[in-house]
Amino acid sequence: MAFSPIANGALGAIVTSLEMTKRPALRALPPSELRLERWPAPTADSYRTLYRRVGEHWLWFSRLELSDSDLLQIIHDAKIRIWAVLDRRGIEVGILELDFRQAGQCEIAFFGLVPELAGKGHGKWLMAMALQLGWGEPGVERMWVHTCTLDGPHALAFYQKSGFTAYQRQLETFPDPRITGLIPRSAAPQIPIIEERFAPKAAG
């Protein structure tokens, strides 16, 4: 068994991609007090705020690297559909983003709720809504999603129980976004920060 070292200051994750190639049978919608509100054209700031609230604990950072113009080019694309998840008070507590840019396919690009809602069954409702909206788009023949070992410990099993089948596994390495400054150093305490180490200078 071989080990592949990851540089100090970086993180590594096993990324598993999963797919669903057949529309699932109709089921009763799981109960939830949450609701979806379509975001046809969110501002860069409002999008990043919700993205951080949902994903900072899991070190989501890919959209934080983008400039305003690059981010808006994606999230204002007519084939990108974004919904905010609202609680009873109208507070944004989750995000669902579906990507239809590849013909015949729907990627669940971002899917999540704030950490405070974990384990309360709302994820099943949100997935039911995602599948309904994804397969409801004309011409869709495949839905897919990916998760990684930095996500919640039950994420992979959740997607499998939802009807997705794993088809690919990859190793991803990247600079720790808490060290680069994209995310506060206090985020994701369950994942230790390992700083880059410098050898001491020789005397004389």
N, C-alpha and C. Protein backbone atom coordinates (compact mmCIF):
# COMPACT_ATOMS: atom_id res chain seq x y z
N MET A 1 0.85 -1.19 0.00
CA MET A 1 0.00 0.00 0.00
C MET A 1 0.89 1.24 0.00
N ALA A 2 0.67 2.13 -0.96
CA ALA A 2 1.50 3.32 -1.09
C ALA A 2 0.76 4.55 -0.59
N PHE A 3 1.52 5.48 0.00
CA PHE A 3 0.98 6.75 0.44
C PHE A 3 1.49 7.85 -0.50
N SER A 4 0.62 8.78 -0.85
CA SER A 4 1.02 9.91 -1.68
C SER A 4 0.99 11.16 -0.81
N PRO A 5 2.15 11.73 -0.50
CA PRO A 5 2.17 12.90 0.39
C PRO A 5 1.49 14.11 -0.24
N ILE A 6 0.84 14.90 0.60
CA ILE A 6 0.22 16.16 0.18
C ILE A 6 1.02 17.27 0.82
N ALA A 7 1.39 18.25 0.04
CA ALA A 7 2.25 19.32 0.54
C ALA A 7 1.59 20.05 1.71
N ASN A 8 2.41 20.45 2.68
CA ASN A 8 1.90 21.29 3.75
C ASN A 8 1.32 22.57 3.16
N GLY A 9 0.22 23.02 3.71
CA GLY A 9 -0.47 24.18 3.15
C GLY A 9 -1.51 23.81 2.12
N ALA A 10 -1.61 22.52 1.81
CA ALA A 10 -2.57 22.06 0.81
C ALA A 10 -3.53 21.06 1.45
N LEU A 11 -4.59 20.76 0.73
CA LEU A 11 -5.57 19.76 1.14
C LEU A 11 -5.74 18.75 0.03
N GLY A 12 -6.15 17.55 0.41
CA GLY A 12 -6.45 16.52 -0.57
C GLY A 12 -7.82 15.93 -0.29
N ALA A 13 -8.52 15.56 -1.33
CA ALA A 13 -9.85 14.98 -1.17
C ALA A 13 -10.08 13.94 -2.25
N ILE A 14 -10.79 12.87 -1.88
CA ILE A 14 -11.25 11.89 -2.85
C ILE A 14 -12.62 12.37 -3.34
N VAL A 15 -12.73 12.60 -4.64
CA VAL A 15 -13.96 13.09 -5.25
C VAL A 15 -14.66 11.91 -5.93
N THR A 16 -15.90 11.67 -5.56
CA THR A 16 -16.70 10.61 -6.17
C THR A 16 -17.81 11.24 -6.99
N SER A 17 -17.89 10.86 -8.26
CA SER A 17 -18.96 11.32 -9.14
C SER A 17 -20.03 10.25 -9.24
N LEU A 18 -21.28 10.68 -9.22
CA LEU A 18 -22.41 9.75 -9.25
C LEU A 18 -23.40 10.21 -10.30
N GLU A 19 -24.14 9.26 -10.87
CA GLU A 19 -25.09 9.60 -11.92
C GLU A 19 -26.40 8.85 -11.74
N MET A 20 -27.43 9.39 -12.38
CA MET A 20 -28.74 8.76 -12.45
C MET A 20 -29.17 8.89 -13.90
N THR A 21 -29.41 7.76 -14.56
CA THR A 21 -29.70 7.78 -15.99
C THR A 21 -31.16 7.44 -16.31
N LYS A 22 -31.95 7.33 -15.29
CA LYS A 22 -33.37 7.05 -15.49
C LYS A 22 -34.17 7.84 -14.47
N ARG A 23 -35.24 8.46 -14.95
CA ARG A 23 -36.08 9.25 -14.05
C ARG A 23 -36.66 8.34 -12.97
N PRO A 24 -36.53 8.72 -11.70
CA PRO A 24 -37.03 7.86 -10.62
C PRO A 24 -38.55 7.83 -10.59
N ALA A 25 -39.08 6.78 -9.99
CA ALA A 25 -40.53 6.66 -9.86
C ALA A 25 -41.06 7.76 -8.95
N LEU A 26 -42.28 8.17 -9.19
CA LEU A 26 -42.90 9.21 -8.39
C LEU A 26 -43.06 8.74 -6.94
N ARG A 27 -42.73 9.62 -6.01
CA ARG A 27 -42.88 9.32 -4.59
C ARG A 27 -43.51 10.52 -3.90
N ALA A 28 -44.06 10.28 -2.74
CA ALA A 28 -44.60 11.38 -1.95
C ALA A 28 -43.47 12.31 -1.54
N LEU A 29 -43.70 13.60 -1.61
CA LEU A 29 -42.69 14.58 -1.25
C LEU A 29 -42.44 14.52 0.26
N PRO A 30 -41.18 14.34 0.69
CA PRO A 30 -40.91 14.32 2.13
C PRO A 30 -41.36 15.62 2.79
N PRO A 31 -41.86 15.55 4.01
CA PRO A 31 -42.33 16.76 4.68
C PRO A 31 -41.19 17.69 5.05
N SER A 32 -41.43 18.99 4.94
CA SER A 32 -40.45 19.98 5.34
C SER A 32 -41.14 21.33 5.47
N GLU A 33 -40.69 22.13 6.40
CA GLU A 33 -41.22 23.48 6.56
C GLU A 33 -40.49 24.47 5.66
N LEU A 34 -39.52 23.98 4.90
CA LEU A 34 -38.74 24.85 4.02
C LEU A 34 -39.43 25.01 2.67
N ARG A 35 -39.00 26.03 1.93
CA ARG A 35 -39.52 26.23 0.58
C ARG A 35 -38.41 26.79 -0.30
N LEU A 36 -38.62 26.67 -1.60
CA LEU A 36 -37.65 27.16 -2.58
C LEU A 36 -38.11 28.49 -3.15
N GLU A 37 -37.15 29.36 -3.38
CA GLU A 37 -37.41 30.62 -4.07
C GLU A 37 -36.41 30.76 -5.20
N ARG A 38 -36.88 30.86 -6.42
CA ARG A 38 -36.01 30.95 -7.58
C ARG A 38 -35.22 32.26 -7.54
N TRP A 39 -33.93 32.15 -7.83
CA TRP A 39 -33.04 33.31 -7.95
C TRP A 39 -32.68 33.46 -9.42
N PRO A 40 -33.42 34.22 -10.20
CA PRO A 40 -33.11 34.31 -11.62
C PRO A 40 -31.83 35.10 -11.91
N ALA A 41 -31.49 36.07 -11.06
CA ALA A 41 -30.31 36.88 -11.32
C ALA A 41 -29.78 37.44 -10.00
N PRO A 42 -29.23 36.58 -9.14
CA PRO A 42 -28.71 37.08 -7.87
C PRO A 42 -27.50 37.99 -8.08
N THR A 43 -27.29 38.93 -7.18
CA THR A 43 -26.07 39.73 -7.24
C THR A 43 -24.90 38.87 -6.80
N ALA A 44 -23.70 39.28 -7.15
CA ALA A 44 -22.52 38.53 -6.74
C ALA A 44 -22.42 38.47 -5.22
N ASP A 45 -22.72 39.57 -4.55
CA ASP A 45 -22.60 39.60 -3.09
C ASP A 45 -23.63 38.70 -2.41
N SER A 46 -24.89 38.74 -2.87
CA SER A 46 -25.92 37.92 -2.24
C SER A 46 -25.63 36.44 -2.47
N TYR A 47 -25.15 36.11 -3.67
CA TYR A 47 -24.82 34.72 -3.96
C TYR A 47 -23.69 34.25 -3.05
N ARG A 48 -22.62 35.03 -2.96
CA ARG A 48 -21.49 34.62 -2.14
C ARG A 48 -21.87 34.50 -0.67
N THR A 49 -22.74 35.37 -0.20
CA THR A 49 -23.16 35.32 1.21
C THR A 49 -23.83 33.98 1.52
N LEU A 50 -24.77 33.57 0.66
CA LEU A 50 -25.45 32.30 0.90
C LEU A 50 -24.51 31.13 0.67
N TYR A 51 -23.67 31.21 -0.35
CA TYR A 51 -22.69 30.17 -0.64
C TYR A 51 -21.79 29.95 0.59
N ARG A 52 -21.37 31.03 1.21
CA ARG A 52 -20.54 30.92 2.41
C ARG A 52 -21.32 30.31 3.58
N ARG A 53 -22.55 30.76 3.77
CA ARG A 53 -23.34 30.26 4.90
C ARG A 53 -23.54 28.75 4.81
N VAL A 54 -23.75 28.27 3.61
CA VAL A 54 -24.00 26.84 3.42
C VAL A 54 -22.70 26.05 3.38
N GLY A 55 -21.70 26.55 2.68
CA GLY A 55 -20.55 25.72 2.37
C GLY A 55 -19.26 25.98 3.11
N GLU A 56 -19.18 27.07 3.87
CA GLU A 56 -17.91 27.39 4.51
C GLU A 56 -17.47 26.29 5.46
N HIS A 57 -18.41 25.66 6.14
CA HIS A 57 -18.07 24.59 7.08
C HIS A 57 -17.45 23.39 6.37
N TRP A 58 -17.73 23.26 5.07
CA TRP A 58 -17.19 22.14 4.29
C TRP A 58 -16.11 22.61 3.32
N LEU A 59 -15.65 23.84 3.51
CA LEU A 59 -14.57 24.43 2.72
C LEU A 59 -14.93 24.58 1.24
N TRP A 60 -16.18 24.90 0.93
CA TRP A 60 -16.52 25.29 -0.43
C TRP A 60 -15.77 26.59 -0.73
N PHE A 61 -15.08 26.62 -1.85
CA PHE A 61 -14.33 27.83 -2.15
C PHE A 61 -14.28 28.18 -3.64
N SER A 62 -14.69 27.26 -4.51
CA SER A 62 -14.48 27.47 -5.95
C SER A 62 -15.11 28.76 -6.47
N ARG A 63 -16.29 29.10 -5.97
CA ARG A 63 -16.95 30.32 -6.46
C ARG A 63 -16.37 31.58 -5.79
N LEU A 64 -15.65 31.40 -4.69
CA LEU A 64 -15.05 32.55 -4.02
C LEU A 64 -13.79 33.02 -4.74
N GLU A 65 -13.22 32.17 -5.56
CA GLU A 65 -12.01 32.54 -6.31
C GLU A 65 -12.32 33.44 -7.50
N LEU A 66 -13.58 33.48 -7.91
CA LEU A 66 -13.95 34.17 -9.14
C LEU A 66 -14.15 35.66 -8.92
N SER A 67 -13.82 36.44 -9.94
CA SER A 67 -14.14 37.87 -9.92
C SER A 67 -15.65 38.04 -10.05
N ASP A 68 -16.15 39.22 -9.76
CA ASP A 68 -17.58 39.48 -9.90
C ASP A 68 -18.04 39.17 -11.31
N SER A 69 -17.30 39.63 -12.31
CA SER A 69 -17.74 39.43 -13.70
C SER A 69 -17.75 37.96 -14.08
N ASP A 70 -16.74 37.21 -13.65
CA ASP A 70 -16.70 35.78 -13.98
C ASP A 70 -17.81 35.02 -13.25
N LEU A 71 -18.06 35.40 -12.00
CA LEU A 71 -19.13 34.74 -11.25
C LEU A 71 -20.49 35.03 -11.88
N LEU A 72 -20.75 36.29 -12.20
CA LEU A 72 -22.04 36.65 -12.77
C LEU A 72 -22.26 36.02 -14.14
N GLN A 73 -21.19 35.83 -14.88
CA GLN A 73 -21.31 35.17 -16.18
C GLN A 73 -21.86 33.76 -16.02
N ILE A 74 -21.50 33.10 -14.93
CA ILE A 74 -22.00 31.75 -14.67
C ILE A 74 -23.42 31.78 -14.12
N ILE A 75 -23.60 32.52 -13.02
CA ILE A 75 -24.88 32.42 -12.31
C ILE A 75 -26.01 33.16 -13.02
N HIS A 76 -25.69 33.98 -14.02
CA HIS A 76 -26.75 34.63 -14.81
C HIS A 76 -26.97 33.92 -16.14
N ASP A 77 -26.25 32.83 -16.38
CA ASP A 77 -26.45 32.04 -17.60
C ASP A 77 -27.87 31.46 -17.58
N ALA A 78 -28.56 31.53 -18.70
CA ALA A 78 -29.94 31.05 -18.77
C ALA A 78 -30.05 29.56 -18.49
N LYS A 79 -28.96 28.81 -18.62
CA LYS A 79 -29.00 27.37 -18.39
C LYS A 79 -28.51 26.99 -17.00
N ILE A 80 -28.27 27.98 -16.16
CA ILE A 80 -27.97 27.75 -14.75
C ILE A 80 -29.20 28.18 -13.96
N ARG A 81 -29.75 27.28 -13.16
CA ARG A 81 -30.95 27.59 -12.37
C ARG A 81 -30.58 27.53 -10.89
N ILE A 82 -30.86 28.60 -10.18
CA ILE A 82 -30.49 28.70 -8.77
C ILE A 82 -31.74 28.99 -7.94
N TRP A 83 -31.85 28.29 -6.83
CA TRP A 83 -32.92 28.52 -5.86
C TRP A 83 -32.29 28.73 -4.49
N ALA A 84 -32.83 29.69 -3.75
CA ALA A 84 -32.51 29.81 -2.33
C ALA A 84 -33.53 28.99 -1.56
N VAL A 85 -33.08 28.32 -0.52
CA VAL A 85 -33.98 27.59 0.37
C VAL A 85 -34.32 28.53 1.53
N LEU A 86 -35.62 28.72 1.76
CA LEU A 86 -36.07 29.64 2.80
C LEU A 86 -36.76 28.89 3.92
N ASP A 87 -36.56 29.37 5.14
CA ASP A 87 -37.31 28.80 6.26
C ASP A 87 -38.63 29.56 6.44
N ARG A 88 -39.36 29.24 7.48
CA ARG A 88 -40.68 29.85 7.68
C ARG A 88 -40.63 31.37 7.82
N ARG A 89 -39.50 31.85 8.31
CA ARG A 89 -39.36 33.30 8.51
C ARG A 89 -38.87 34.01 7.25
N GLY A 90 -38.58 33.23 6.19
CA GLY A 90 -38.07 33.82 4.96
C GLY A 90 -36.57 33.99 4.96
N ILE A 91 -35.90 33.37 5.92
CA ILE A 91 -34.43 33.46 5.99
C ILE A 91 -33.82 32.41 5.08
N GLU A 92 -32.79 32.79 4.35
CA GLU A 92 -32.13 31.88 3.41
C GLU A 92 -31.25 30.90 4.18
N VAL A 93 -31.58 29.62 4.06
CA VAL A 93 -30.89 28.58 4.84
C VAL A 93 -30.33 27.47 3.95
N GLY A 94 -30.33 27.64 2.65
CA GLY A 94 -29.81 26.60 1.78
C GLY A 94 -29.77 27.07 0.35
N ILE A 95 -29.13 26.26 -0.48
CA ILE A 95 -29.00 26.59 -1.89
C ILE A 95 -29.16 25.34 -2.74
N LEU A 96 -29.78 25.50 -3.89
CA LEU A 96 -29.86 24.45 -4.91
C LEU A 96 -29.51 25.10 -6.24
N GLU A 97 -28.49 24.56 -6.88
CA GLU A 97 -28.06 25.09 -8.18
C GLU A 97 -27.96 23.93 -9.17
N LEU A 98 -28.72 24.03 -10.24
CA LEU A 98 -28.73 23.01 -11.30
C LEU A 98 -28.11 23.60 -12.56
N ASP A 99 -27.27 22.81 -13.19
CA ASP A 99 -26.53 23.24 -14.38
C ASP A 99 -27.00 22.41 -15.58
N PHE A 100 -27.64 23.08 -16.54
CA PHE A 100 -28.16 22.41 -17.74
C PHE A 100 -27.34 22.77 -18.97
N ARG A 101 -26.10 23.25 -18.79
CA ARG A 101 -25.34 23.75 -19.94
C ARG A 101 -24.90 22.65 -20.89
N GLN A 102 -24.82 21.42 -20.42
CA GLN A 102 -24.47 20.30 -21.30
C GLN A 102 -25.77 19.65 -21.77
N ALA A 103 -25.95 19.57 -23.07
CA ALA A 103 -27.20 19.09 -23.64
C ALA A 103 -27.57 17.71 -23.10
N GLY A 104 -28.82 17.57 -22.68
CA GLY A 104 -29.33 16.29 -22.20
C GLY A 104 -28.93 15.94 -20.80
N GLN A 105 -28.23 16.83 -20.11
CA GLN A 105 -27.74 16.51 -18.78
C GLN A 105 -28.08 17.61 -17.78
N CYS A 106 -28.18 17.22 -16.55
CA CYS A 106 -28.38 18.16 -15.45
C CYS A 106 -27.39 17.80 -14.34
N GLU A 107 -26.52 18.74 -14.04
CA GLU A 107 -25.60 18.56 -12.92
C GLU A 107 -26.16 19.27 -11.70
N ILE A 108 -26.20 18.56 -10.58
CA ILE A 108 -26.49 19.23 -9.32
C ILE A 108 -25.19 19.89 -8.89
N ALA A 109 -25.03 21.15 -9.25
CA ALA A 109 -23.76 21.83 -9.05
C ALA A 109 -23.52 22.16 -7.58
N PHE A 110 -24.53 22.70 -6.92
CA PHE A 110 -24.44 22.99 -5.48
C PHE A 110 -25.75 22.64 -4.82
N PHE A 111 -25.62 21.98 -3.70
CA PHE A 111 -26.78 21.43 -2.99
C PHE A 111 -26.42 21.42 -1.52
N GLY A 112 -27.15 22.15 -0.71
CA GLY A 112 -26.81 22.11 0.70
C GLY A 112 -27.67 23.02 1.55
N LEU A 113 -27.64 22.75 2.84
CA LEU A 113 -28.34 23.52 3.85
C LEU A 113 -27.32 23.99 4.89
N VAL A 114 -27.67 25.02 5.62
CA VAL A 114 -26.77 25.49 6.67
C VAL A 114 -26.55 24.36 7.68
N PRO A 115 -25.37 24.30 8.29
CA PRO A 115 -25.05 23.18 9.20
C PRO A 115 -26.06 22.98 10.32
N GLU A 116 -26.73 24.05 10.74
CA GLU A 116 -27.69 23.93 11.84
C GLU A 116 -28.88 23.04 11.50
N LEU A 117 -29.13 22.82 10.22
CA LEU A 117 -30.27 22.00 9.79
C LEU A 117 -29.89 20.55 9.52
N ALA A 118 -28.63 20.21 9.72
CA ALA A 118 -28.17 18.84 9.44
C ALA A 118 -28.89 17.83 10.31
N GLY A 119 -29.23 16.70 9.72
CA GLY A 119 -29.82 15.60 10.46
C GLY A 119 -31.28 15.75 10.81
N LYS A 120 -31.97 16.73 10.20
CA LYS A 120 -33.38 16.95 10.52
C LYS A 120 -34.33 16.52 9.40
N GLY A 121 -33.78 15.85 8.39
CA GLY A 121 -34.61 15.31 7.32
C GLY A 121 -34.89 16.26 6.17
N HIS A 122 -34.43 17.51 6.28
CA HIS A 122 -34.72 18.47 5.22
C HIS A 122 -33.96 18.16 3.93
N GLY A 123 -32.82 17.46 4.06
CA GLY A 123 -32.05 17.12 2.88
C GLY A 123 -32.83 16.21 1.94
N LYS A 124 -33.64 15.31 2.49
CA LYS A 124 -34.46 14.43 1.65
C LYS A 124 -35.47 15.24 0.85
N TRP A 125 -36.05 16.23 1.50
CA TRP A 125 -36.99 17.11 0.80
C TRP A 125 -36.29 17.87 -0.31
N LEU A 126 -35.11 18.42 0.00
CA LEU A 126 -34.40 19.21 -1.00
C LEU A 126 -33.97 18.34 -2.18
N MET A 127 -33.56 17.11 -1.91
CA MET A 127 -33.19 16.22 -3.01
C MET A 127 -34.42 15.88 -3.85
N ALA A 128 -35.55 15.64 -3.22
CA ALA A 128 -36.77 15.37 -3.98
C ALA A 128 -37.10 16.54 -4.90
N MET A 129 -36.91 17.75 -4.41
CA MET A 129 -37.15 18.93 -5.24
C MET A 129 -36.13 19.02 -6.37
N ALA A 130 -34.87 18.71 -6.07
CA ALA A 130 -33.83 18.75 -7.10
C ALA A 130 -34.13 17.76 -8.23
N LEU A 131 -34.53 16.55 -7.86
CA LEU A 131 -34.84 15.54 -8.88
C LEU A 131 -36.07 15.95 -9.69
N GLN A 132 -37.05 16.50 -9.02
CA GLN A 132 -38.25 16.95 -9.72
C GLN A 132 -37.92 18.05 -10.73
N LEU A 133 -37.11 19.01 -10.31
CA LEU A 133 -36.76 20.12 -11.19
C LEU A 133 -35.79 19.69 -12.29
N GLY A 134 -34.85 18.82 -11.96
CA GLY A 134 -33.89 18.37 -12.95
C GLY A 134 -34.53 17.53 -14.05
N TRP A 135 -35.27 16.50 -13.64
CA TRP A 135 -35.91 15.63 -14.61
C TRP A 135 -37.09 16.31 -15.29
N GLY A 136 -37.57 17.39 -14.72
CA GLY A 136 -38.68 18.11 -15.34
C GLY A 136 -38.27 18.96 -16.52
N GLU A 137 -36.98 19.14 -16.70
CA GLU A 137 -36.47 19.92 -17.83
C GLU A 137 -36.54 19.08 -19.10
N PRO A 138 -37.14 19.58 -20.18
CA PRO A 138 -37.25 18.79 -21.42
C PRO A 138 -35.88 18.34 -21.94
N GLY A 139 -35.80 17.09 -22.34
CA GLY A 139 -34.59 16.56 -22.96
C GLY A 139 -33.55 16.01 -22.02
N VAL A 140 -33.76 16.12 -20.72
CA VAL A 140 -32.76 15.61 -19.78
C VAL A 140 -32.79 14.08 -19.75
N GLU A 141 -31.62 13.47 -19.94
CA GLU A 141 -31.50 12.02 -19.94
C GLU A 141 -30.58 11.53 -18.82
N ARG A 142 -29.94 12.47 -18.16
CA ARG A 142 -28.97 12.07 -17.12
C ARG A 142 -28.84 13.21 -16.11
N MET A 143 -28.86 12.85 -14.82
CA MET A 143 -28.50 13.79 -13.77
C MET A 143 -27.25 13.26 -13.08
N TRP A 144 -26.39 14.18 -12.67
CA TRP A 144 -25.18 13.74 -11.99
C TRP A 144 -24.76 14.75 -10.94
N VAL A 145 -23.90 14.28 -10.04
CA VAL A 145 -23.47 15.09 -8.91
C VAL A 145 -22.12 14.54 -8.46
N HIS A 146 -21.34 15.36 -7.80
CA HIS A 146 -20.12 14.82 -7.20
C HIS A 146 -20.02 15.30 -5.76
N THR A 147 -19.36 14.49 -4.97
CA THR A 147 -19.12 14.82 -3.57
C THR A 147 -17.68 14.43 -3.25
N CYS A 148 -17.19 14.92 -2.13
CA CYS A 148 -15.80 14.59 -1.78
C CYS A 148 -15.70 14.31 -0.29
N THR A 149 -14.53 13.84 0.11
CA THR A 149 -14.33 13.42 1.49
C THR A 149 -14.22 14.61 2.46
N LEU A 150 -14.26 15.84 1.96
CA LEU A 150 -14.33 17.00 2.83
C LEU A 150 -15.78 17.38 3.15
N ASP A 151 -16.73 16.83 2.39
CA ASP A 151 -18.14 17.08 2.65
C ASP A 151 -18.59 16.34 3.91
N GLY A 152 -19.87 16.49 4.24
CA GLY A 152 -20.40 15.80 5.40
C GLY A 152 -20.15 14.30 5.32
N PRO A 153 -19.96 13.63 6.45
CA PRO A 153 -19.60 12.20 6.44
C PRO A 153 -20.67 11.30 5.84
N HIS A 154 -21.90 11.79 5.75
CA HIS A 154 -22.98 10.96 5.22
C HIS A 154 -23.37 11.36 3.79
N ALA A 155 -22.63 12.28 3.18
CA ALA A 155 -23.02 12.81 1.87
C ALA A 155 -23.05 11.73 0.80
N LEU A 156 -22.01 10.93 0.72
CA LEU A 156 -21.94 9.91 -0.32
C LEU A 156 -23.09 8.90 -0.17
N ALA A 157 -23.31 8.42 1.03
CA ALA A 157 -24.39 7.47 1.26
C ALA A 157 -25.75 8.11 0.95
N PHE A 158 -25.88 9.39 1.27
CA PHE A 158 -27.14 10.09 0.99
C PHE A 158 -27.44 10.09 -0.51
N TYR A 159 -26.44 10.41 -1.32
CA TYR A 159 -26.66 10.43 -2.77
C TYR A 159 -26.98 9.03 -3.30
N GLN A 160 -26.32 8.03 -2.76
CA GLN A 160 -26.61 6.66 -3.20
C GLN A 160 -28.03 6.25 -2.82
N LYS A 161 -28.45 6.58 -1.61
CA LYS A 161 -29.81 6.26 -1.19
C LYS A 161 -30.84 7.03 -2.00
N SER A 162 -30.44 8.17 -2.55
CA SER A 162 -31.34 8.98 -3.36
C SER A 162 -31.48 8.44 -4.78
N GLY A 163 -30.69 7.41 -5.12
CA GLY A 163 -30.82 6.78 -6.43
C GLY A 163 -29.65 6.99 -7.36
N PHE A 164 -28.59 7.67 -6.91
CA PHE A 164 -27.42 7.88 -7.75
C PHE A 164 -26.44 6.72 -7.62
N THR A 165 -25.74 6.42 -8.72
CA THR A 165 -24.75 5.35 -8.76
C THR A 165 -23.38 5.93 -9.03
N ALA A 166 -22.40 5.57 -8.20
CA ALA A 166 -21.04 6.06 -8.38
C ALA A 166 -20.44 5.49 -9.66
N TYR A 167 -19.72 6.34 -10.41
CA TYR A 167 -19.09 5.85 -11.64
C TYR A 167 -17.64 6.31 -11.78
N GLN A 168 -17.16 7.19 -10.93
CA GLN A 168 -15.79 7.68 -11.07
C GLN A 168 -15.28 8.18 -9.72
N ARG A 169 -13.98 7.93 -9.49
CA ARG A 169 -13.34 8.42 -8.27
C ARG A 169 -12.03 9.10 -8.67
N GLN A 170 -11.78 10.28 -8.10
CA GLN A 170 -10.58 11.04 -8.44
C GLN A 170 -9.96 11.63 -7.17
N LEU A 171 -8.67 11.89 -7.23
CA LEU A 171 -7.96 12.57 -6.15
C LEU A 171 -7.76 14.02 -6.55
N GLU A 172 -8.19 14.93 -5.69
CA GLU A 172 -8.03 16.36 -5.95
C GLU A 172 -7.18 16.97 -4.84
N THR A 173 -6.19 17.77 -5.21
CA THR A 173 -5.40 18.51 -4.24
C THR A 173 -5.45 19.99 -4.60
N PHE A 174 -5.40 20.83 -3.56
CA PHE A 174 -5.52 22.27 -3.79
C PHE A 174 -5.03 23.01 -2.54
N PRO A 175 -4.62 24.27 -2.70
CA PRO A 175 -4.20 25.05 -1.54
C PRO A 175 -5.34 25.19 -0.54
N ASP A 176 -5.04 25.08 0.74
CA ASP A 176 -6.06 25.23 1.77
C ASP A 176 -6.62 26.66 1.70
N PRO A 177 -7.93 26.81 1.42
CA PRO A 177 -8.48 28.16 1.27
C PRO A 177 -8.46 28.99 2.54
N ARG A 178 -8.25 28.36 3.69
CA ARG A 178 -8.12 29.11 4.94
C ARG A 178 -6.74 29.75 5.04
N ILE A 179 -5.76 29.14 4.39
CA ILE A 179 -4.41 29.70 4.37
C ILE A 179 -4.31 30.79 3.31
N THR A 180 -4.97 30.59 2.18
CA THR A 180 -4.92 31.60 1.12
C THR A 180 -5.79 32.81 1.43
N GLY A 181 -6.67 32.70 2.43
CA GLY A 181 -7.49 33.84 2.83
C GLY A 181 -8.87 33.89 2.24
N LEU A 182 -9.26 32.89 1.45
CA LEU A 182 -10.61 32.87 0.88
C LEU A 182 -11.67 32.59 1.93
N ILE A 183 -11.29 31.83 2.95
CA ILE A 183 -12.21 31.41 4.01
C ILE A 183 -11.52 31.68 5.34
N PRO A 184 -12.27 32.09 6.36
CA PRO A 184 -11.65 32.34 7.68
C PRO A 184 -10.92 31.11 8.22
N ARG A 185 -9.85 31.35 8.92
CA ARG A 185 -9.07 30.25 9.49
C ARG A 185 -9.87 29.44 10.50
N SER A 186 -10.89 30.03 11.05
CA SER A 186 -11.71 29.33 12.05
C SER A 186 -12.70 28.36 11.43
N ALA A 187 -12.86 28.40 10.11
CA ALA A 187 -13.84 27.53 9.44
C ALA A 187 -13.38 26.08 9.45
N ALA A 188 -14.35 25.18 9.40
CA ALA A 188 -14.09 23.73 9.28
C ALA A 188 -13.06 23.24 10.30
N PRO A 189 -13.33 23.41 11.60
CA PRO A 189 -12.35 22.95 12.59
C PRO A 189 -12.13 21.44 12.57
N GLN A 190 -13.04 20.70 11.93
CA GLN A 190 -12.88 19.25 11.84
C GLN A 190 -11.76 18.86 10.87
N ILE A 191 -11.26 19.82 10.10
CA ILE A 191 -10.18 19.56 9.14
C ILE A 191 -8.97 20.37 9.58
N PRO A 192 -7.93 19.75 10.10
CA PRO A 192 -6.80 20.51 10.64
C PRO A 192 -6.04 21.29 9.56
N ILE A 193 -5.56 22.45 9.95
CA ILE A 193 -4.69 23.24 9.08
C ILE A 193 -3.25 22.78 9.31
N ILE A 194 -2.58 22.45 8.25
CA ILE A 194 -1.17 22.07 8.33
C ILE A 194 -0.39 23.10 7.53
N GLU A 195 0.33 23.95 8.24
CA GLU A 195 1.04 25.04 7.60
C GLU A 195 2.28 24.52 6.84
N GLU A 196 2.68 25.30 5.85
CA GLU A 196 3.94 25.00 5.17
C GLU A 196 5.08 25.26 6.15
N ARG A 197 6.03 24.37 6.17
CA ARG A 197 7.14 24.50 7.10
C ARG A 197 8.39 24.92 6.34
N PHE A 198 9.12 25.82 6.94
CA PHE A 198 10.35 26.31 6.33
C PHE A 198 11.54 25.86 7.18
N ALA A 199 12.57 25.40 6.49
CA ALA A 199 13.77 24.98 7.20
C ALA A 199 14.47 26.21 7.78
N PRO A 200 15.00 26.13 9.00
CA PRO A 200 15.72 27.26 9.57
C PRO A 200 16.99 27.59 8.78
N LYS A 201 17.29 28.89 8.71
CA LYS A 201 18.48 29.31 8.00
C LYS A 201 19.72 28.87 8.77
N ALA A 202 20.74 28.51 8.00
CA ALA A 202 22.00 28.10 8.62
C ALA A 202 22.67 29.31 9.27
N ALA A 203 23.30 29.07 10.40
CA ALA A 203 24.00 30.17 11.08
C ALA A 203 25.23 30.60 10.26
N GLY A 204 25.53 31.88 10.42
CA GLY A 204 26.70 32.42 9.72
C GLY A 204 26.33 32.77 8.38
